[in-house]
Amino acid sequence: MRAPRNRLFDPAGCATGWVHLADVRYEARDTQFLAGKLADQGLIDGERIGVTGPSYARGQSMELAALKDRYMDTDGNLHAWVSDGGHPMRIAAATPAIPWTDLAHSLEPNGRTLDYTIAGATDDTTPIGVAKQSFVSGLYALGSATGYYSPPGVDPSADLTTQFARVNQGEPDDASADAIAKEITTYHSAYYLDHSEAPAPLLISNGWTDDLFAADEALRFYNRTRMQYPASPIALMFFDFGHMRGTGKPADTARLWQRQFDWFDHYVKGDGSVPVLTGVETLTQTRPKAAPSGGPFDAPDWNALHPAEVRFKAADAEDVSSAAGSPDVNRTVDPIAGGGDACATTASADQKGTATYRLPKVTGKGYTLLGAPTVIADLAVKASTAAVNTELAARLWDVAPDGQQTLVARGPPYGRMSNFPFRITVSNLDARLPTHDRPGATKQVVTPATPFLPTGATPTAEAAKAIEAKEKAKKRSR
């Protein structure tokens, strides 16, 4: 039977129905429109909607949670979300798993995100970061094979082919690169949507070993929400899963699903039960893949997960070059070229042209890393003017007694090569590894140092308290 020519089945309207890369004005709006139709037909309660979905859809879930009871028109303006039939509409809860909150930073990280600061409006795009080349190329090819891209030059808001070509050109930044960054942050990223009202109750989960949408995607949104709306329900769950190199052990995935069911039961169905997860829950990566994950480790907030740290300092200068590193090591830990194995190992020999630091061997039962390692150092760049926005990729390895190493935390191991040669001299290095163990658990586990704040950075409430406490202690000791 031929479909009627209405808003849902309009061949003319579908002629430009190309991929908009989770644009809130189009793809998120599509979800809202369909939900409104269900509400008008009496099939759902328009104010009790829960949203989730895999990867791309969960990026949209973040957007929908941020919009909550609003929608964005094609002109970029926000309006109250009401169905065609006049029913008030609202997202009651969301459980985004492996989502992005800032798509520009996810695909081209610049290293500015810290887990104890509130990301500013331009922190993640000024300067524009280094493209995750293997991921970006793979995603573009997948979308081209399974979707419909706007012809180049036809629709600037959805011209993925032109955007992909510009990203592949790399540095230096120019007006076209800045325009792409502005487009992506304005309409394709939950973090930059208007946050003059609290989001819907959120349970966000990301993978420690997910090289595409890592844990900082959840933390960015979490930190600002807790600062701005401390009473707004928001919880986090992290473990070894997600996009490549995530393992996704069945027991861990089942645990996440149960947490999501509990969240929806409470905030969508309103059945009176209280979700088990109200703060932060983590499981740690283990080897081999068949081994159960470590944990669970629970805390009321992100900061409470790591009450101590392991510190390593090195004052001597070390040189790093743009031609540094081993192609074999890079390939092994590349999430695409390397096959996405979170347990892949390489030899731990020093690599030419890199600055390598070896921490003392662990004592006793060792310690559990839970949090984002921070590296503070003096960096002197020697490069042409065009290469002024260089990026240093830091990696943390776990070296086994047999000399083989496993990647634990990383800057991009799959980043695009620089167009221009450069050298960076690293000195006065201060590496801080947050641990779940308390101070004194081993010789290496100590009380955390005062959080380092870059110029103009806004600390989280917990970091601000730590800084204030350290300042008061200094005054008392004078």
Protein backbone atom coordinates (compact mmCIF):
# COMPACT_ATOMS: atom_id res chain seq x y z
CA MET A 1 0.00 0.00 0.00
CA ARG A 2 1.33 3.43 -0.87
CA ALA A 3 2.18 5.60 2.11
CA PRO A 4 0.27 8.87 2.51
CA ARG A 5 2.14 12.09 1.74
CA ASN A 6 2.45 13.50 5.22
CA ARG A 7 5.28 14.74 7.45
CA LEU A 8 6.52 11.21 8.07
CA PHE A 9 6.43 10.01 4.45
CA ASP A 10 7.36 12.93 2.23
CA PRO A 11 9.67 12.02 -0.70
CA ALA A 12 10.48 15.68 -1.30
CA GLY A 13 11.49 16.13 2.33
CA CYS A 14 13.67 13.01 2.19
CA ALA A 15 15.64 14.34 -0.79
CA THR A 16 17.87 16.25 1.62
CA GLY A 17 17.68 13.68 4.41
CA TRP A 18 21.42 13.27 4.68
CA VAL A 19 23.46 12.58 7.79
CA HIS A 20 23.67 15.67 10.03
CA LEU A 21 26.10 14.12 12.53
CA ALA A 22 23.71 14.23 15.50
CA ASP A 23 22.74 17.85 14.88
CA VAL A 24 20.20 18.83 17.57
CA ARG A 25 18.25 20.82 14.97
CA TYR A 26 17.66 17.70 12.88
CA GLU A 27 18.43 14.25 14.28
CA ALA A 28 17.66 15.02 17.92
CA ARG A 29 14.59 16.89 16.68
CA ASP A 30 13.54 13.78 14.72
CA THR A 31 13.49 11.80 17.96
CA GLN A 32 11.44 14.50 19.65
CA PHE A 33 8.99 14.64 16.75
CA LEU A 34 8.42 10.88 16.81
CA ALA A 35 7.98 10.88 20.59
CA GLY A 36 5.39 13.60 20.19
CA LYS A 37 3.47 11.46 17.71
CA LEU A 38 3.43 8.57 20.20
CA ALA A 39 2.17 10.89 22.92
CA ASP A 40 -0.59 12.24 20.64
CA GLN A 41 -1.72 8.68 19.97
CA GLY A 42 -1.89 7.97 23.70
CA LEU A 43 0.84 5.34 23.52
CA ILE A 44 3.23 7.06 25.95
CA ASP A 45 3.21 9.68 28.65
CA GLY A 46 4.97 12.60 27.00
CA GLU A 47 6.55 13.68 30.28
CA ARG A 48 7.94 10.24 31.15
CA ILE A 49 10.43 9.57 28.37
CA GLY A 50 13.73 7.77 28.86
CA VAL A 51 16.48 7.91 26.24
CA THR A 52 19.48 5.68 25.60
CA GLY A 53 21.05 3.84 22.67
CA PRO A 54 24.44 2.66 21.41
CA SER A 55 27.35 5.05 20.71
CA TYR A 56 26.06 7.57 18.13
CA ALA A 57 22.56 7.34 19.57
CA ARG A 58 23.91 7.90 23.06
CA GLY A 59 25.61 11.06 21.91
CA GLN A 60 22.12 12.14 20.91
CA SER A 61 20.85 10.89 24.28
CA MET A 62 23.19 13.36 25.94
CA GLU A 63 21.82 16.14 23.72
CA LEU A 64 18.22 15.21 24.48
CA ALA A 65 18.94 15.10 28.22
CA ALA A 66 20.51 18.56 28.03
CA LEU A 67 17.52 19.93 26.12
CA LYS A 68 15.09 18.05 28.43
CA ASP A 69 11.82 19.92 27.79
CA ARG A 70 13.01 22.12 24.91
CA TYR A 71 13.78 21.70 21.23
CA MET A 72 16.01 23.64 18.88
CA ASP A 73 14.59 24.93 15.61
CA THR A 74 16.62 25.14 12.42
CA ASP A 75 17.34 28.79 13.21
CA GLY A 76 19.17 27.75 16.39
CA ASN A 77 16.53 29.11 18.78
CA LEU A 78 15.13 27.07 21.66
CA HIS A 79 11.42 26.56 22.27
CA ALA A 80 9.23 24.67 24.74
CA TRP A 81 8.82 21.09 23.58
CA VAL A 82 5.15 20.45 22.89
CA SER A 83 3.75 17.74 20.61
CA ASP A 84 1.67 18.62 17.56
CA GLY A 85 -1.36 17.60 19.60
CA GLY A 86 -0.49 20.01 22.41
CA HIS A 87 0.99 17.57 24.92
CA PRO A 88 3.88 18.92 27.07
CA MET A 89 6.97 16.77 26.41
CA ARG A 90 9.98 16.06 28.60
CA ILE A 91 12.92 13.70 28.91
CA ALA A 92 12.50 12.18 32.37
CA ALA A 93 15.89 10.40 32.44
CA ALA A 94 18.77 9.34 30.23
CA THR A 95 21.42 6.62 30.44
CA PRO A 96 23.99 7.50 27.74
CA ALA A 97 26.65 4.78 27.46
CA ILE A 98 29.92 5.49 25.64
CA PRO A 99 28.68 8.92 24.49
CA TRP A 100 30.49 12.08 23.58
CA THR A 101 29.63 15.40 25.20
CA ASP A 102 32.07 17.46 23.10
CA LEU A 103 32.41 15.92 19.64
CA ALA A 104 35.20 18.26 18.56
CA HIS A 105 37.37 17.25 21.51
CA SER A 106 36.51 13.57 21.04
CA LEU A 107 37.78 13.58 17.46
CA GLU A 108 40.55 16.21 17.78
CA PRO A 109 41.70 16.41 21.42
CA ASN A 110 43.95 19.30 22.40
CA GLY A 111 44.85 18.05 25.87
CA ARG A 112 43.12 20.89 27.74
CA THR A 113 40.53 18.76 29.58
CA LEU A 114 41.32 18.15 33.26
CA ASP A 115 39.17 15.98 35.50
CA TYR A 116 39.18 18.58 38.30
CA THR A 117 38.26 21.72 36.33
CA ILE A 118 35.14 23.08 34.66
CA ALA A 119 35.74 23.17 30.91
CA GLY A 120 35.24 26.64 29.45
CA ALA A 121 33.45 27.57 26.25
CA THR A 122 36.60 27.42 24.12
CA ASP A 123 38.98 25.24 26.14
CA ASP A 124 38.57 22.19 23.92
CA THR A 125 38.87 23.99 20.57
CA THR A 126 41.44 26.73 21.24
CA PRO A 127 43.72 25.59 19.83
CA ILE A 128 42.13 22.91 17.67
CA GLY A 129 43.64 19.57 18.63
CA VAL A 130 45.17 16.65 16.76
CA ALA A 131 42.85 14.40 14.78
CA LYS A 132 42.47 10.77 15.82
CA GLN A 133 43.29 9.87 12.25
CA SER A 134 42.55 6.15 12.17
CA PHE A 135 39.23 6.66 13.96
CA VAL A 136 38.14 9.70 11.93
CA SER A 137 38.97 7.95 8.64
CA GLY A 138 37.20 4.78 9.68
CA LEU A 139 34.07 6.59 10.85
CA TYR A 140 33.88 8.65 7.66
CA ALA A 141 34.17 5.50 5.53
CA LEU A 142 31.51 3.70 7.61
CA GLY A 143 29.09 6.61 7.30
CA SER A 144 29.67 6.82 3.57
CA ALA A 145 28.93 3.10 3.16
CA THR A 146 25.81 3.02 5.33
CA GLY A 147 24.42 6.57 5.15
CA TYR A 148 23.82 9.47 2.79
CA TYR A 149 26.19 12.45 2.84
CA SER A 150 25.37 15.92 1.60
CA PRO A 151 27.09 16.67 -1.72
CA PRO A 152 30.10 18.94 -1.10
CA GLY A 153 29.18 22.61 -0.91
CA VAL A 154 25.41 22.05 -0.75
CA ASP A 155 24.71 22.20 2.99
CA PRO A 156 27.45 23.79 5.16
CA SER A 157 25.84 22.43 8.33
CA ALA A 158 26.15 18.83 7.09
CA ASP A 159 29.02 18.94 4.59
CA LEU A 160 30.94 16.04 6.11
CA THR A 161 32.99 15.42 2.98
CA THR A 162 34.42 18.94 2.95
CA GLN A 163 34.91 18.83 6.72
CA PHE A 164 36.73 15.49 6.49
CA ALA A 165 39.05 16.85 3.81
CA ARG A 166 39.87 19.91 5.92
CA VAL A 167 40.57 17.83 9.04
CA ASN A 168 42.99 15.68 7.02
CA GLN A 169 44.94 18.79 6.00
CA GLY A 170 45.92 19.37 9.61
CA GLU A 171 47.67 22.44 10.94
CA PRO A 172 47.96 25.38 10.83
CA ASP A 173 44.44 26.37 11.86
CA ASP A 174 42.58 28.76 9.61
CA ALA A 175 39.10 30.24 9.18
CA SER A 176 37.68 27.06 7.67
CA ALA A 177 38.99 24.92 10.53
CA ASP A 178 37.58 27.38 13.08
CA ALA A 179 34.20 27.33 11.31
CA ILE A 180 34.05 23.53 11.52
CA ALA A 181 34.92 23.61 15.23
CA LYS A 182 32.20 26.22 15.84
CA GLU A 183 29.62 24.17 13.92
CA ILE A 184 30.41 20.98 15.82
CA THR A 185 30.44 22.56 19.28
CA THR A 186 27.29 24.66 18.70
CA TYR A 187 24.94 22.05 17.26
CA HIS A 188 26.48 18.61 17.75
CA SER A 189 27.69 18.56 21.36
CA ALA A 190 25.60 18.37 24.52
CA TYR A 191 28.15 20.28 26.58
CA TYR A 192 27.70 23.50 24.63
CA LEU A 193 23.90 23.54 24.55
CA ASP A 194 22.17 26.16 26.67
CA HIS A 195 22.42 25.01 30.30
CA SER A 196 20.25 27.64 31.96
CA GLU A 197 18.20 24.76 33.35
CA ALA A 198 19.32 21.47 34.88
CA PRO A 199 19.51 18.45 32.55
CA ALA A 200 17.32 15.39 32.92
CA PRO A 201 18.56 12.86 35.52
CA LEU A 202 21.67 11.28 33.97
CA LEU A 203 23.54 8.02 34.41
CA ILE A 204 26.57 8.34 32.10
CA SER A 205 29.00 5.49 31.44
CA ASN A 206 32.26 5.52 29.51
CA GLY A 207 35.10 3.06 29.07
CA TRP A 208 38.60 3.35 30.51
CA THR A 209 39.88 1.68 27.35
CA ASP A 210 37.59 3.46 24.87
CA ASP A 211 39.91 5.49 22.63
CA LEU A 212 37.08 7.28 20.84
CA PHE A 213 34.80 8.53 23.63
CA ALA A 214 36.90 8.25 26.78
CA ALA A 215 36.03 8.88 30.44
CA ASP A 216 36.60 12.63 30.15
CA GLU A 217 33.48 12.90 27.97
CA ALA A 218 31.33 11.99 30.98
CA LEU A 219 33.45 13.92 33.47
CA ARG A 220 33.24 17.18 31.52
CA PHE A 221 29.43 17.24 31.74
CA TYR A 222 29.39 15.77 35.26
CA ASN A 223 31.71 18.41 36.73
CA ARG A 224 29.80 21.38 35.40
CA THR A 225 26.40 19.94 36.31
CA ARG A 226 27.45 19.25 39.91
CA MET A 227 28.85 22.76 40.18
CA GLN A 228 25.83 24.50 38.65
CA TYR A 229 23.05 22.18 39.85
CA PRO A 230 24.31 20.25 42.89
CA ALA A 231 20.89 18.72 43.55
CA SER A 232 20.46 17.43 39.98
CA PRO A 233 20.65 13.60 39.84
CA ILE A 234 23.78 12.55 37.95
CA ALA A 235 25.79 9.35 38.33
CA LEU A 236 28.81 7.83 36.58
CA MET A 237 29.98 4.33 35.78
CA PHE A 238 33.36 3.45 34.25
CA PHE A 239 34.91 0.13 33.28
CA ASP A 240 36.76 -1.65 30.46
CA PHE A 241 34.27 -1.39 27.57
CA GLY A 242 33.12 0.75 24.68
CA HIS A 243 34.66 1.43 21.30
CA MET A 244 38.06 0.00 20.43
CA ARG A 245 40.08 -0.88 22.60
CA GLY A 246 37.26 -1.66 25.03
CA THR A 247 36.85 -5.29 26.10
CA GLY A 248 33.23 -5.30 27.33
CA LYS A 249 33.25 -8.35 29.58
CA PRO A 250 29.74 -9.86 29.81
CA ALA A 251 29.49 -9.61 33.61
CA ASP A 252 30.41 -5.92 33.52
CA THR A 253 27.97 -5.16 30.72
CA ALA A 254 25.18 -6.95 32.60
CA ARG A 255 25.99 -4.85 35.66
CA LEU A 256 25.64 -1.66 33.61
CA TRP A 257 22.32 -2.80 32.15
CA GLN A 258 20.95 -3.42 35.63
CA ARG A 259 22.05 0.04 36.74
CA GLN A 260 20.28 1.51 33.70
CA PHE A 261 17.08 -0.45 34.42
CA ASP A 262 17.14 0.80 38.01
CA TRP A 263 17.63 4.38 36.81
CA PHE A 264 14.67 4.23 34.43
CA ASP A 265 12.48 2.42 36.98
CA HIS A 266 12.97 5.28 39.40
CA TYR A 267 13.04 8.38 37.20
CA VAL A 268 10.81 7.31 34.29
CA LYS A 269 8.39 4.78 35.76
CA GLY A 270 8.41 6.37 39.22
CA ASP A 271 8.01 3.03 40.96
CA GLY A 272 9.49 4.35 44.19
CA SER A 273 12.71 2.32 44.18
CA VAL A 274 15.96 4.19 44.74
CA PRO A 275 18.73 3.46 42.21
CA VAL A 276 21.65 1.51 43.65
CA LEU A 277 24.05 3.81 41.81
CA THR A 278 23.77 7.44 42.92
CA GLY A 279 27.44 8.49 42.86
CA VAL A 280 30.32 6.92 40.95
CA GLU A 281 30.98 3.22 40.37
CA THR A 282 34.07 1.82 38.67
CA LEU A 283 35.55 -1.52 37.70
CA THR A 284 39.20 -1.81 36.75
CA GLN A 285 40.89 -3.38 33.74
CA THR A 286 42.43 -6.83 34.23
CA ARG A 287 44.40 -9.27 32.16
CA PRO A 288 43.80 -11.67 30.52
CA LYS A 289 40.48 -10.76 28.96
CA ALA A 290 38.79 -13.73 30.59
CA ALA A 291 39.75 -12.56 34.09
CA PRO A 292 37.03 -10.80 36.12
CA SER A 293 37.41 -7.03 36.36
CA GLY A 294 38.68 -5.53 39.60
CA GLY A 295 36.26 -3.88 42.00
CA PRO A 296 33.64 -2.61 42.15
CA PHE A 297 34.90 0.65 43.65
CA ASP A 298 32.21 3.09 44.78
CA ALA A 299 32.30 6.68 45.96
CA PRO A 300 29.81 9.52 46.45
CA ASP A 301 31.62 11.62 43.84
CA TRP A 302 34.50 11.44 41.37
CA ASN A 303 37.05 13.09 43.63
CA ALA A 304 36.41 10.66 46.49
CA LEU A 305 37.49 7.73 44.29
CA HIS A 306 41.14 8.76 44.58
CA PRO A 307 42.08 10.01 48.06
CA ALA A 308 45.83 9.70 47.37
CA GLU A 309 48.36 9.72 44.57
CA VAL A 310 51.71 8.44 43.41
CA ARG A 311 54.06 11.26 42.41
CA PHE A 312 57.15 11.24 40.25
CA LYS A 313 59.42 14.23 39.65
CA ALA A 314 62.27 14.71 37.20
CA ALA A 315 64.01 18.06 36.82
CA ASP A 316 66.44 17.11 34.04
CA ALA A 317 65.68 18.23 30.50
CA GLU A 318 64.67 15.66 27.89
CA ASP A 319 64.17 16.27 24.15
CA VAL A 320 61.25 14.98 22.09
CA SER A 321 61.08 15.26 18.30
CA SER A 322 58.17 15.16 15.86
CA ALA A 323 59.75 12.10 14.25
CA ALA A 324 59.87 10.27 17.59
CA GLY A 325 58.52 6.91 18.58
CA SER A 326 58.26 3.45 17.14
CA PRO A 327 55.80 2.75 14.29
CA ASP A 328 55.50 -0.83 15.54
CA VAL A 329 54.54 0.26 19.07
CA ASN A 330 52.11 2.85 17.68
CA ARG A 331 50.48 0.25 15.46
CA THR A 332 50.10 -2.24 18.29
CA VAL A 333 48.11 0.18 20.46
CA ASP A 334 46.23 1.87 17.60
CA PRO A 335 42.54 1.09 18.21
CA ILE A 336 41.92 0.45 14.49
CA ALA A 337 45.20 -0.73 12.95
CA GLY A 338 46.10 -2.69 16.07
CA GLY A 339 42.84 -4.58 16.22
CA GLY A 340 41.48 -2.91 19.35
CA ASP A 341 43.06 -5.20 21.94
CA ALA A 342 43.18 -3.51 25.36
CA CYS A 343 45.58 -6.22 26.55
CA ALA A 344 48.08 -5.83 23.70
CA THR A 345 51.67 -5.61 24.88
CA THR A 346 54.91 -4.26 23.44
CA ALA A 347 58.56 -4.29 24.46
CA SER A 348 59.33 -1.59 27.03
CA ALA A 349 62.65 -0.43 25.57
CA ASP A 350 63.12 3.33 25.29
CA GLN A 351 62.01 4.74 21.95
CA LYS A 352 64.19 7.07 19.92
CA GLY A 353 63.32 10.77 20.19
CA THR A 354 61.03 10.39 23.20
CA ALA A 355 61.31 11.44 26.83
CA THR A 356 61.02 8.26 28.89
CA TYR A 357 60.56 8.23 32.66
CA ARG A 358 60.56 5.07 34.76
CA LEU A 359 58.87 5.12 38.15
CA PRO A 360 60.26 2.96 40.95
CA LYS A 361 58.98 -0.59 41.06
CA VAL A 362 55.84 -0.97 43.12
CA THR A 363 56.14 -2.28 46.65
CA GLY A 364 53.88 -4.62 48.61
CA LYS A 365 50.59 -5.25 46.86
CA GLY A 366 51.02 -2.22 44.65
CA TYR A 367 48.31 0.38 44.16
CA THR A 368 45.13 0.85 42.13
CA LEU A 369 45.06 3.72 39.66
CA LEU A 370 41.59 5.33 39.69
CA GLY A 371 41.43 8.69 38.01
CA ALA A 372 43.12 10.77 35.35
CA PRO A 373 46.91 11.01 35.51
CA THR A 374 48.20 14.58 35.28
CA VAL A 375 51.56 15.62 33.85
CA ILE A 376 52.90 19.08 34.72
CA ALA A 377 56.12 20.22 33.08
CA ASP A 378 57.99 23.08 31.49
CA LEU A 379 57.86 22.70 27.70
CA ALA A 380 60.13 24.62 25.34
CA VAL A 381 59.08 24.30 21.70
CA LYS A 382 61.52 24.71 18.83
CA ALA A 383 59.54 24.92 15.60
CA SER A 384 58.56 27.12 12.71
CA THR A 385 55.78 29.67 13.22
CA ALA A 386 53.36 27.35 11.40
CA ALA A 387 54.01 24.57 13.93
CA VAL A 388 53.48 26.72 17.02
CA ASN A 389 50.41 24.68 18.11
CA THR A 390 52.24 21.39 18.56
CA GLU A 391 50.96 18.66 20.86
CA LEU A 392 52.88 16.28 23.08
CA ALA A 393 51.30 12.83 23.45
CA ALA A 394 51.97 11.33 26.89
CA ARG A 395 51.46 7.63 27.59
CA LEU A 396 51.44 5.69 30.84
CA TRP A 397 52.57 2.07 30.61
CA ASP A 398 52.39 -0.81 33.07
CA VAL A 399 55.68 -2.70 32.72
CA ALA A 400 55.61 -6.36 33.74
CA PRO A 401 58.60 -8.18 35.25
CA ASP A 402 59.27 -9.80 31.84
CA GLY A 403 59.80 -6.36 30.25
CA GLN A 404 56.53 -6.31 28.29
CA GLN A 405 54.34 -3.24 28.75
CA THR A 406 50.58 -2.61 28.54
CA LEU A 407 49.06 0.77 27.77
CA VAL A 408 47.23 2.18 30.81
CA ALA A 409 46.54 5.82 30.00
CA ARG A 410 47.37 7.76 26.90
CA GLY A 411 47.49 10.74 24.68
CA PRO A 412 46.40 9.76 21.18
CA PRO A 413 48.39 6.73 19.95
CA TYR A 414 46.63 7.24 16.60
CA GLY A 415 47.03 10.99 16.13
CA ARG A 416 47.69 12.58 12.78
CA MET A 417 51.36 13.29 12.06
CA SER A 418 52.39 16.94 12.19
CA ASN A 419 52.87 18.80 8.90
CA PHE A 420 55.93 20.56 10.30
CA PRO A 421 58.98 19.24 12.15
CA PHE A 422 59.49 20.39 15.74
CA ARG A 423 61.38 19.63 18.92
CA ILE A 424 60.10 19.95 22.48
CA THR A 425 62.36 20.11 25.51
CA VAL A 426 60.65 18.73 28.62
CA SER A 427 61.95 19.73 32.05
CA ASN A 428 60.76 19.93 35.66
CA LEU A 429 58.32 17.11 35.10
CA ASP A 430 55.78 16.37 37.86
CA ALA A 431 53.60 13.32 37.17
CA ARG A 432 50.64 12.61 39.46
CA LEU A 433 48.83 9.27 39.40
CA PRO A 434 45.58 9.26 41.45
CA THR A 435 45.02 6.09 43.47
CA HIS A 436 42.09 4.47 45.20
CA ASP A 437 44.46 3.49 48.01
CA ARG A 438 44.76 5.89 50.91
CA PRO A 439 47.98 7.72 51.82
CA GLY A 440 50.51 5.35 53.34
CA ALA A 441 49.06 2.20 51.79
CA THR A 442 52.51 1.69 50.29
CA LYS A 443 55.70 3.73 50.37
CA GLN A 444 54.78 5.40 47.08
CA VAL A 445 51.17 6.36 47.89
CA VAL A 446 51.06 9.85 49.38
CA THR A 447 48.67 12.69 50.18
CA PRO A 448 47.69 14.53 46.96
CA ALA A 449 49.53 17.73 46.13
CA THR A 450 47.61 20.96 45.57
CA PRO A 451 45.74 20.65 42.25
CA PHE A 452 47.54 22.53 39.50
CA LEU A 453 45.32 25.13 37.85
CA PRO A 454 46.19 26.48 34.40
CA THR A 455 45.73 30.22 33.99
CA GLY A 456 42.02 31.09 33.94
CA ALA A 457 40.83 27.57 34.83
CA THR A 458 37.82 27.09 37.13
CA PRO A 459 38.26 24.28 39.66
CA THR A 460 35.51 21.86 40.65
CA ALA A 461 34.05 22.29 44.12
CA GLU A 462 36.28 19.50 45.47
CA ALA A 463 39.43 20.93 43.85
CA ALA A 464 38.59 24.40 45.15
CA LYS A 465 38.30 23.00 48.69
CA ALA A 466 41.65 21.22 48.34
CA ILE A 467 43.33 24.41 47.11
CA GLU A 468 41.80 26.44 49.94
CA ALA A 469 42.89 23.87 52.54
CA LYS A 470 46.46 23.91 51.25
CA GLU A 471 46.56 27.70 51.34
CA LYS A 472 45.33 27.75 54.94
CA ALA A 473 47.95 25.17 55.90
CA LYS A 474 50.67 27.31 54.35
CA LYS A 475 49.55 30.35 56.33
CA ARG A 476 49.53 28.37 59.58
CA SER A 477 53.08 27.15 58.94
CA ARG A 478 54.50 30.65 58.43
